[in-house]
Amino acid sequence: MLITSSSNERIKHARRVREGRERGLVFVEGERLVAECVSSGLKLQACFAARTPSGSQSSMLNSLSCPVFQLADSVLESLSGTVTTQGIIVIAERPFPALSRLFEGAAPLILGLDRVQDPGNLGTLVRSAEAAGVNGLFSFAGSADAYAPKTLRSSMGSAFRLPIMSDVSGLGAVETCRRHGLKAVVATGGASLSHYDYDWRQPTFLILGNEGRGAGAEIMNACDVRIQIPLHAPVESLNVAAAGAAILFEAVRQRR
């Protein structure tokens, strides 16, 4: 079916998904991300593609288990969330992983994000967390949406696989992790303990704070340990995504 109007009801619905107004659904754009979405087993509701898809996209379209709608160029451009449309978009059901997945194994390592608001930072942290073997992630209320289009592009598919608990209470997440035997560790400037000197082999809930303000006072006070990354002067801080990667891969080094 060819859709030639941006006022089509299916296009209006897809636009609401892109804007985050349909919380049970995610907007996935681009051949690579769509392939990651499909291979991760997310249930697809619909696919929107160019009127004349590329050869590789044609093969992908033939394999999808959902209705496929071809769009006039102007309609595809109006729906796209990127400067240059990538030719293929799917609407998929949002993952809702079981909480128990985060606590599997003898020494879980879980990441918590306290009001990390930049989608690029949050997506990069999701990608780093999966690469470091983290069990899962708690995204506290006030953080960017892990499944928003910009965040998904930064995570490059990791958000489809890594268990993510979104929009949760930070204090509630700390208490849940503590009940499962994890220590709550927060990264903050001025801490006396280096991230090199913490024993990452034990079950740990690592919390990273907001880009400008760090973790909130309530979260800081609820944590068991405070750590910092030693930096050469005059540098005073790192981008939260860079800091998270540095800490997580020190945990990887110790655990190996």
C-alpha atoms as a PDB file:
ATOM      1  CA  MET A   1       0.000   0.000   0.000  1.00  0.00           C
ATOM      2  CA  LEU A   2       1.338   3.443  -0.955  1.00  0.00           C
ATOM      3  CA  ILE A   3       0.642   6.344   1.436  1.00  0.00           C
ATOM      4  CA  THR A   4       0.799   9.769  -0.215  1.00  0.00           C
ATOM      5  CA  SER A   5      -0.548  12.052   2.540  1.00  0.00           C
ATOM      6  CA  SER A   6       1.122  13.152   5.780  1.00  0.00           C
ATOM      7  CA  SER A   7      -2.389  13.411   7.237  1.00  0.00           C
ATOM      8  CA  ASN A   8      -2.931   9.655   6.949  1.00  0.00           C
ATOM      9  CA  GLU A   9      -3.967   8.217  10.326  1.00  0.00           C
ATOM     10  CA  ARG A  10      -1.145   5.665  10.315  1.00  0.00           C
ATOM     11  CA  ILE A  11       1.385   8.447   9.769  1.00  0.00           C
ATOM     12  CA  LYS A  12      -0.166  10.522  12.553  1.00  0.00           C
ATOM     13  CA  HIS A  13       0.093   7.543  14.902  1.00  0.00           C
ATOM     14  CA  ALA A  14       3.724   6.889  13.928  1.00  0.00           C
ATOM     15  CA  ARG A  15       4.516  10.549  14.568  1.00  0.00           C
ATOM     16  CA  ARG A  16       3.030  10.272  18.073  1.00  0.00           C
ATOM     17  CA  VAL A  17       5.268   7.257  18.716  1.00  0.00           C
ATOM     18  CA  ARG A  18       8.314   9.221  17.501  1.00  0.00           C
ATOM     19  CA  GLU A  19       7.431  12.055  19.882  1.00  0.00           C
ATOM     20  CA  GLY A  20       7.115   9.699  22.865  1.00  0.00           C
ATOM     21  CA  ARG A  21       3.348  10.042  23.213  1.00  0.00           C
ATOM     22  CA  GLU A  22       2.655   6.303  22.838  1.00  0.00           C
ATOM     23  CA  ARG A  23       4.626   4.909  25.786  1.00  0.00           C
ATOM     24  CA  GLY A  24       4.132   1.263  24.919  1.00  0.00           C
ATOM     25  CA  LEU A  25       5.746   1.642  21.497  1.00  0.00           C
ATOM     26  CA  VAL A  26       9.123   2.634  20.060  1.00  0.00           C
ATOM     27  CA  PHE A  27      10.072   4.366  16.806  1.00  0.00           C
ATOM     28  CA  VAL A  28      13.030   2.634  15.135  1.00  0.00           C
ATOM     29  CA  GLU A  29      14.636   4.197  12.075  1.00  0.00           C
ATOM     30  CA  GLY A  30      17.432   3.030   9.808  1.00  0.00           C
ATOM     31  CA  GLU A  31      18.418  -0.311   8.343  1.00  0.00           C
ATOM     32  CA  ARG A  32      20.917  -1.210  11.041  1.00  0.00           C
ATOM     33  CA  LEU A  33      18.671  -0.353  13.982  1.00  0.00           C
ATOM     34  CA  VAL A  34      15.717  -2.132  12.392  1.00  0.00           C
ATOM     35  CA  ALA A  35      17.889  -5.243  11.938  1.00  0.00           C
ATOM     36  CA  GLU A  36      18.943  -5.029  15.617  1.00  0.00           C
ATOM     37  CA  CYS A  37      15.307  -4.632  16.649  1.00  0.00           C
ATOM     38  CA  VAL A  38      14.226  -7.676  14.642  1.00  0.00           C
ATOM     39  CA  SER A  39      17.101  -9.876  15.832  1.00  0.00           C
ATOM     40  CA  SER A  40      16.330  -8.921  19.439  1.00  0.00           C
ATOM     41  CA  GLY A  41      12.833 -10.339  19.061  1.00  0.00           C
ATOM     42  CA  LEU A  42      10.768  -7.189  19.557  1.00  0.00           C
ATOM     43  CA  LYS A  43       7.224  -7.502  18.251  1.00  0.00           C
ATOM     44  CA  LEU A  44       6.663  -5.235  15.243  1.00  0.00           C
ATOM     45  CA  GLN A  45       3.403  -3.409  14.605  1.00  0.00           C
ATOM     46  CA  ALA A  46       4.133  -1.692  11.290  1.00  0.00           C
ATOM     47  CA  CYS A  47       6.878  -0.779   8.862  1.00  0.00           C
ATOM     48  CA  PHE A  48       7.173   2.350   6.712  1.00  0.00           C
ATOM     49  CA  ALA A  49       9.553   2.331   3.765  1.00  0.00           C
ATOM     50  CA  ALA A  50      10.546   4.345   0.733  1.00  0.00           C
ATOM     51  CA  ARG A  51       8.515   3.908  -2.439  1.00  0.00           C
ATOM     52  CA  THR A  52      11.662   2.476  -4.088  1.00  0.00           C
ATOM     53  CA  PRO A  53      13.703   0.789  -1.334  1.00  0.00           C
ATOM     54  CA  SER A  54      17.335  -0.218  -1.809  1.00  0.00           C
ATOM     55  CA  GLY A  55      18.195  -3.822  -2.574  1.00  0.00           C
ATOM     56  CA  SER A  56      19.161  -4.676   0.995  1.00  0.00           C
ATOM     57  CA  GLN A  57      16.054  -2.951   2.342  1.00  0.00           C
ATOM     58  CA  SER A  58      13.861  -4.885  -0.097  1.00  0.00           C
ATOM     59  CA  SER A  59      15.205  -8.135   1.319  1.00  0.00           C
ATOM     60  CA  MET A  60      14.569  -6.905   4.844  1.00  0.00           C
ATOM     61  CA  LEU A  61      11.018  -5.822   4.025  1.00  0.00           C
ATOM     62  CA  ASN A  62      10.217  -9.259   2.658  1.00  0.00           C
ATOM     63  CA  SER A  63      11.284 -10.873   5.936  1.00  0.00           C
ATOM     64  CA  LEU A  64       9.298  -8.660   8.319  1.00  0.00           C
ATOM     65  CA  SER A  65       6.314 -10.103  10.176  1.00  0.00           C
ATOM     66  CA  CYS A  66       4.221  -6.933  10.146  1.00  0.00           C
ATOM     67  CA  PRO A  67       2.291  -4.795   7.641  1.00  0.00           C
ATOM     68  CA  VAL A  68       4.597  -2.801   5.328  1.00  0.00           C
ATOM     69  CA  PHE A  69       3.536   0.589   3.971  1.00  0.00           C
ATOM     70  CA  GLN A  70       5.436   2.373   1.234  1.00  0.00           C
ATOM     71  CA  LEU A  71       5.504   6.158   1.479  1.00  0.00           C
ATOM     72  CA  ALA A  72       5.805   8.961  -1.001  1.00  0.00           C
ATOM     73  CA  ASP A  73       9.129  10.754  -0.575  1.00  0.00           C
ATOM     74  CA  SER A  74       7.576  13.844   1.017  1.00  0.00           C
ATOM     75  CA  VAL A  75       5.650  11.717   3.542  1.00  0.00           C
ATOM     76  CA  LEU A  76       8.739   9.711   4.494  1.00  0.00           C
ATOM     77  CA  GLU A  77      10.719  12.926   4.972  1.00  0.00           C
ATOM     78  CA  SER A  78       7.977  14.361   7.208  1.00  0.00           C
ATOM     79  CA  LEU A  79       7.963  11.226   9.353  1.00  0.00           C
ATOM     80  CA  SER A  80      11.719  10.752   9.609  1.00  0.00           C
ATOM     81  CA  GLY A  81      13.499  11.734  12.822  1.00  0.00           C
ATOM     82  CA  THR A  82      16.814  12.347  11.046  1.00  0.00           C
ATOM     83  CA  VAL A  83      18.028  15.160   8.788  1.00  0.00           C
ATOM     84  CA  THR A  84      18.247  12.756   5.853  1.00  0.00           C
ATOM     85  CA  THR A  85      15.698   9.963   5.846  1.00  0.00           C
ATOM     86  CA  GLN A  86      17.172   6.473   6.064  1.00  0.00           C
ATOM     87  CA  GLY A  87      14.433   4.829   4.038  1.00  0.00           C
ATOM     88  CA  ILE A  88      12.955   2.437   6.598  1.00  0.00           C
ATOM     89  CA  ILE A  89      11.093   2.861   9.909  1.00  0.00           C
ATOM     90  CA  VAL A  90       9.396   0.315  12.144  1.00  0.00           C
ATOM     91  CA  ILE A  91       7.000   0.734  15.038  1.00  0.00           C
ATOM     92  CA  ALA A  92       7.748  -1.914  17.656  1.00  0.00           C
ATOM     93  CA  GLU A  93       6.451  -2.814  21.080  1.00  0.00           C
ATOM     94  CA  ARG A  94       8.574  -1.398  23.887  1.00  0.00           C
ATOM     95  CA  PRO A  95      10.565  -3.982  25.885  1.00  0.00           C
ATOM     96  CA  PHE A  96       9.414  -4.516  29.490  1.00  0.00           C
ATOM     97  CA  PRO A  97      12.004  -6.900  30.973  1.00  0.00           C
ATOM     98  CA  ALA A  98      11.447  -8.839  34.186  1.00  0.00           C
ATOM     99  CA  LEU A  99      13.162  -7.266  37.208  1.00  0.00           C
ATOM    100  CA  SER A 100      14.661 -10.644  38.103  1.00  0.00           C
ATOM    101  CA  ARG A 101      16.939 -10.502  35.040  1.00  0.00           C
ATOM    102  CA  LEU A 102      18.987  -7.745  36.684  1.00  0.00           C
ATOM    103  CA  PHE A 103      19.953  -9.969  39.605  1.00  0.00           C
ATOM    104  CA  GLU A 104      21.079 -13.100  37.788  1.00  0.00           C
ATOM    105  CA  GLY A 105      24.512 -14.529  38.556  1.00  0.00           C
ATOM    106  CA  ALA A 106      26.701 -14.637  41.638  1.00  0.00           C
ATOM    107  CA  ALA A 107      27.872 -10.991  41.613  1.00  0.00           C
ATOM    108  CA  PRO A 108      25.517  -8.733  39.644  1.00  0.00           C
ATOM    109  CA  LEU A 109      26.768  -5.394  38.356  1.00  0.00           C
ATOM    110  CA  ILE A 110      23.922  -2.936  37.714  1.00  0.00           C
ATOM    111  CA  LEU A 111      24.059   0.643  36.450  1.00  0.00           C
ATOM    112  CA  GLY A 112      21.807   3.422  37.746  1.00  0.00           C
ATOM    113  CA  LEU A 113      21.373   6.781  36.027  1.00  0.00           C
ATOM    114  CA  ASP A 114      20.121   9.709  38.099  1.00  0.00           C
ATOM    115  CA  ARG A 115      18.580  12.374  35.830  1.00  0.00           C
ATOM    116  CA  VAL A 116      20.983  11.848  32.918  1.00  0.00           C
ATOM    117  CA  GLN A 117      19.124  14.077  30.502  1.00  0.00           C
ATOM    118  CA  ASP A 118      21.117  14.088  27.273  1.00  0.00           C
ATOM    119  CA  PRO A 119      19.879  11.305  24.945  1.00  0.00           C
ATOM    120  CA  GLY A 120      23.344  10.884  23.436  1.00  0.00           C
ATOM    121  CA  ASN A 121      24.921  10.401  26.855  1.00  0.00           C
ATOM    122  CA  LEU A 122      22.258   7.969  27.995  1.00  0.00           C
ATOM    123  CA  GLY A 123      22.441   5.929  24.802  1.00  0.00           C
ATOM    124  CA  THR A 124      26.238   5.778  24.974  1.00  0.00           C
ATOM    125  CA  LEU A 125      26.039   4.582  28.578  1.00  0.00           C
ATOM    126  CA  VAL A 126      23.584   1.845  27.604  1.00  0.00           C
ATOM    127  CA  ARG A 127      26.011   0.719  24.889  1.00  0.00           C
ATOM    128  CA  SER A 128      28.987   0.801  27.288  1.00  0.00           C
ATOM    129  CA  ALA A 129      27.010  -1.080  29.923  1.00  0.00           C
ATOM    130  CA  GLU A 130      26.180  -3.917  27.538  1.00  0.00           C
ATOM    131  CA  ALA A 131      29.791  -4.043  26.324  1.00  0.00           C
ATOM    132  CA  ALA A 132      31.007  -4.271  29.924  1.00  0.00           C
ATOM    133  CA  GLY A 133      28.671  -7.158  30.762  1.00  0.00           C
ATOM    134  CA  VAL A 134      26.404  -5.176  33.091  1.00  0.00           C
ATOM    135  CA  ASN A 135      23.306  -7.129  34.167  1.00  0.00           C
ATOM    136  CA  GLY A 136      20.927  -4.269  33.538  1.00  0.00           C
ATOM    137  CA  LEU A 137      20.121  -0.644  34.128  1.00  0.00           C
ATOM    138  CA  PHE A 138      17.821   1.479  36.288  1.00  0.00           C
ATOM    139  CA  SER A 139      17.006   4.813  34.638  1.00  0.00           C
ATOM    140  CA  PHE A 140      15.696   7.103  37.387  1.00  0.00           C
ATOM    141  CA  ALA A 141      12.770   9.471  36.897  1.00  0.00           C
ATOM    142  CA  GLY A 142      13.937  12.649  35.170  1.00  0.00           C
ATOM    143  CA  SER A 143      16.374  10.879  32.844  1.00  0.00           C
ATOM    144  CA  ALA A 144      16.076  10.818  29.057  1.00  0.00           C
ATOM    145  CA  ASP A 145      13.957   8.031  27.593  1.00  0.00           C
ATOM    146  CA  ALA A 146      16.157   5.028  26.788  1.00  0.00           C
ATOM    147  CA  TYR A 147      13.891   4.203  23.824  1.00  0.00           C
ATOM    148  CA  ALA A 148      13.558   7.668  22.267  1.00  0.00           C
ATOM    149  CA  PRO A 149      14.872   7.806  18.682  1.00  0.00           C
ATOM    150  CA  LYS A 150      17.999   9.857  19.517  1.00  0.00           C
ATOM    151  CA  THR A 151      18.860   7.590  22.444  1.00  0.00           C
ATOM    152  CA  LEU A 152      18.385   4.471  20.356  1.00  0.00           C
ATOM    153  CA  ARG A 153      20.759   5.801  17.706  1.00  0.00           C
ATOM    154  CA  SER A 154      23.429   6.339  20.386  1.00  0.00           C
ATOM    155  CA  SER A 155      22.930   2.919  21.972  1.00  0.00           C
ATOM    156  CA  MET A 156      23.119   1.288  18.498  1.00  0.00           C
ATOM    157  CA  GLY A 157      20.732  -1.518  19.439  1.00  0.00           C
ATOM    158  CA  SER A 158      21.981  -2.247  22.967  1.00  0.00           C
ATOM    159  CA  ALA A 159      18.718  -0.900  24.428  1.00  0.00           C
ATOM    160  CA  PHE A 160      16.868  -3.746  22.721  1.00  0.00           C
ATOM    161  CA  ARG A 161      18.952  -6.362  24.566  1.00  0.00           C
ATOM    162  CA  LEU A 162      20.061  -4.872  27.900  1.00  0.00           C
ATOM    163  CA  PRO A 163      17.328  -5.081  30.572  1.00  0.00           C
ATOM    164  CA  ILE A 164      16.330  -1.471  31.319  1.00  0.00           C
ATOM    165  CA  MET A 165      13.934  -0.403  34.052  1.00  0.00           C
ATOM    166  CA  SER A 166      12.806   3.105  33.064  1.00  0.00           C
ATOM    167  CA  ASP A 167      11.401   6.047  35.015  1.00  0.00           C
ATOM    168  CA  VAL A 168      11.947   4.420  38.404  1.00  0.00           C
ATOM    169  CA  SER A 169      12.407   5.922  41.854  1.00  0.00           C
ATOM    170  CA  GLY A 170      16.121   6.278  42.563  1.00  0.00           C
ATOM    171  CA  LEU A 171      15.717   5.562  46.277  1.00  0.00           C
ATOM    172  CA  GLY A 172      13.481   2.630  45.432  1.00  0.00           C
ATOM    173  CA  ALA A 173      16.147   1.225  43.098  1.00  0.00           C
ATOM    174  CA  VAL A 174      18.796   1.560  45.826  1.00  0.00           C
ATOM    175  CA  GLU A 175      16.597  -0.302  48.294  1.00  0.00           C
ATOM    176  CA  THR A 176      15.758  -3.030  45.768  1.00  0.00           C
ATOM    177  CA  CYS A 177      19.441  -3.577  45.010  1.00  0.00           C
ATOM    178  CA  ARG A 178      20.329  -3.577  48.698  1.00  0.00           C
ATOM    179  CA  ARG A 179      17.717  -6.286  49.377  1.00  0.00           C
ATOM    180  CA  HIS A 180      19.472  -8.390  46.743  1.00  0.00           C
ATOM    181  CA  GLY A 181      22.820  -7.964  48.447  1.00  0.00           C
ATOM    182  CA  LEU A 182      24.337  -5.230  46.253  1.00  0.00           C
ATOM    183  CA  LYS A 183      26.381  -2.310  47.529  1.00  0.00           C
ATOM    184  CA  ALA A 184      25.248   1.079  46.252  1.00  0.00           C
ATOM    185  CA  VAL A 185      28.208   3.044  44.868  1.00  0.00           C
ATOM    186  CA  VAL A 186      27.922   6.608  43.567  1.00  0.00           C
ATOM    187  CA  ALA A 187      30.475   8.419  41.406  1.00  0.00           C
ATOM    188  CA  THR A 188      31.134  11.976  42.553  1.00  0.00           C
ATOM    189  CA  GLY A 189      33.935  14.509  42.493  1.00  0.00           C
ATOM    190  CA  GLY A 190      35.701  14.966  45.800  1.00  0.00           C
ATOM    191  CA  ALA A 191      35.266  11.391  47.032  1.00  0.00           C
ATOM    192  CA  SER A 192      38.259   9.992  48.901  1.00  0.00           C
ATOM    193  CA  LEU A 193      38.158   6.558  47.251  1.00  0.00           C
ATOM    194  CA  SER A 194      39.461   6.070  43.704  1.00  0.00           C
ATOM    195  CA  HIS A 195      37.432   3.900  41.346  1.00  0.00           C
ATOM    196  CA  TYR A 196      40.613   1.802  41.010  1.00  0.00           C
ATOM    197  CA  ASP A 197      40.554   0.974  44.732  1.00  0.00           C
ATOM    198  CA  TYR A 198      36.963  -0.220  45.034  1.00  0.00           C
ATOM    199  CA  ASP A 199      36.518  -4.007  44.851  1.00  0.00           C
ATOM    200  CA  TRP A 200      34.315  -4.436  41.777  1.00  0.00           C
ATOM    201  CA  ARG A 201      34.219  -8.212  42.170  1.00  0.00           C
ATOM    202  CA  GLN A 202      31.424  -7.868  44.725  1.00  0.00           C
ATOM    203  CA  PRO A 203      27.744  -7.343  43.802  1.00  0.00           C
ATOM    204  CA  THR A 204      27.463  -3.610  43.010  1.00  0.00           C
ATOM    205  CA  PHE A 205      24.925  -1.005  41.988  1.00  0.00           C
ATOM    206  CA  LEU A 206      26.875   1.848  40.345  1.00  0.00           C
ATOM    207  CA  ILE A 207      25.078   5.198  40.147  1.00  0.00           C
ATOM    208  CA  LEU A 208      26.026   8.064  37.835  1.00  0.00           C
ATOM    209  CA  GLY A 209      24.455  11.484  38.182  1.00  0.00           C
ATOM    210  CA  ASN A 210      23.201  14.356  36.081  1.00  0.00           C
ATOM    211  CA  GLU A 211      25.589  15.967  33.580  1.00  0.00           C
ATOM    212  CA  GLY A 212      25.811  19.276  35.442  1.00  0.00           C
ATOM    213  CA  ARG A 213      24.740  18.620  39.024  1.00  0.00           C
ATOM    214  CA  GLY A 214      25.758  15.025  39.639  1.00  0.00           C
ATOM    215  CA  ALA A 215      23.662  12.663  41.718  1.00  0.00           C
ATOM    216  CA  GLY A 216      21.002  14.182  43.950  1.00  0.00           C
ATOM    217  CA  ALA A 217      21.592  14.638  47.668  1.00  0.00           C
ATOM    218  CA  GLU A 218      19.076  11.938  48.635  1.00  0.00           C
ATOM    219  CA  ILE A 219      20.785   9.416  46.373  1.00  0.00           C
ATOM    220  CA  MET A 220      24.245  10.405  47.635  1.00  0.00           C
ATOM    221  CA  ASN A 221      23.156   9.933  51.238  1.00  0.00           C
ATOM    222  CA  ALA A 222      21.522   6.584  50.497  1.00  0.00           C
ATOM    223  CA  CYS A 223      24.655   5.067  48.944  1.00  0.00           C
ATOM    224  CA  ASP A 224      27.187   2.919  50.802  1.00  0.00           C
ATOM    225  CA  VAL A 225      30.315   4.099  48.965  1.00  0.00           C
ATOM    226  CA  ARG A 226      31.436   7.212  47.087  1.00  0.00           C
ATOM    227  CA  ILE A 227      34.120   6.976  44.402  1.00  0.00           C
ATOM    228  CA  GLN A 228      35.868   9.324  42.005  1.00  0.00           C
ATOM    229  CA  ILE A 229      38.048   9.030  38.909  1.00  0.00           C
ATOM    230  CA  PRO A 230      41.533  10.519  39.503  1.00  0.00           C
ATOM    231  CA  LEU A 231      42.142  13.266  36.937  1.00  0.00           C
ATOM    232  CA  HIS A 232      45.214  15.254  35.948  1.00  0.00           C
ATOM    233  CA  ALA A 233      44.932  18.986  36.660  1.00  0.00           C
ATOM    234  CA  PRO A 234      43.526  21.289  35.457  1.00  0.00           C
ATOM    235  CA  VAL A 235      40.739  18.941  34.249  1.00  0.00           C
ATOM    236  CA  GLU A 236      38.044  18.848  36.929  1.00  0.00           C
ATOM    237  CA  SER A 237      35.473  16.477  35.462  1.00  0.00           C
ATOM    238  CA  LEU A 238      34.580  14.147  32.615  1.00  0.00           C
ATOM    239  CA  ASN A 239      31.477  13.851  30.483  1.00  0.00           C
ATOM    240  CA  VAL A 240      29.159  11.386  32.238  1.00  0.00           C
ATOM    241  CA  ALA A 241      29.333   8.894  29.343  1.00  0.00           C
ATOM    242  CA  ALA A 242      33.146   8.962  29.399  1.00  0.00           C
ATOM    243  CA  ALA A 243      33.208   8.630  33.185  1.00  0.00           C
ATOM    244  CA  GLY A 244      30.796   5.710  33.063  1.00  0.00           C
ATOM    245  CA  ALA A 245      32.898   3.874  30.495  1.00  0.00           C
ATOM    246  CA  ALA A 246      36.082   4.405  32.516  1.00  0.00           C
ATOM    247  CA  ILE A 247      34.497   3.042  35.694  1.00  0.00           C
ATOM    248  CA  LEU A 248      32.721   0.118  34.049  1.00  0.00           C
ATOM    249  CA  PHE A 249      35.850  -1.109  32.315  1.00  0.00           C
ATOM    250  CA  GLU A 250      37.833  -0.935  35.549  1.00  0.00           C
ATOM    251  CA  ALA A 251      35.123  -3.265  36.887  1.00  0.00           C
ATOM    252  CA  VAL A 252      35.655  -5.498  33.846  1.00  0.00           C
ATOM    253  CA  ARG A 253      39.424  -5.556  34.463  1.00  0.00           C
ATOM    254  CA  GLN A 254      39.025  -6.584  38.100  1.00  0.00           C
ATOM    255  CA  ARG A 255      36.370  -9.185  37.397  1.00  0.00           C
ATOM    256  CA  ARG A 256      38.577 -10.871  34.793  1.00  0.00           C
END
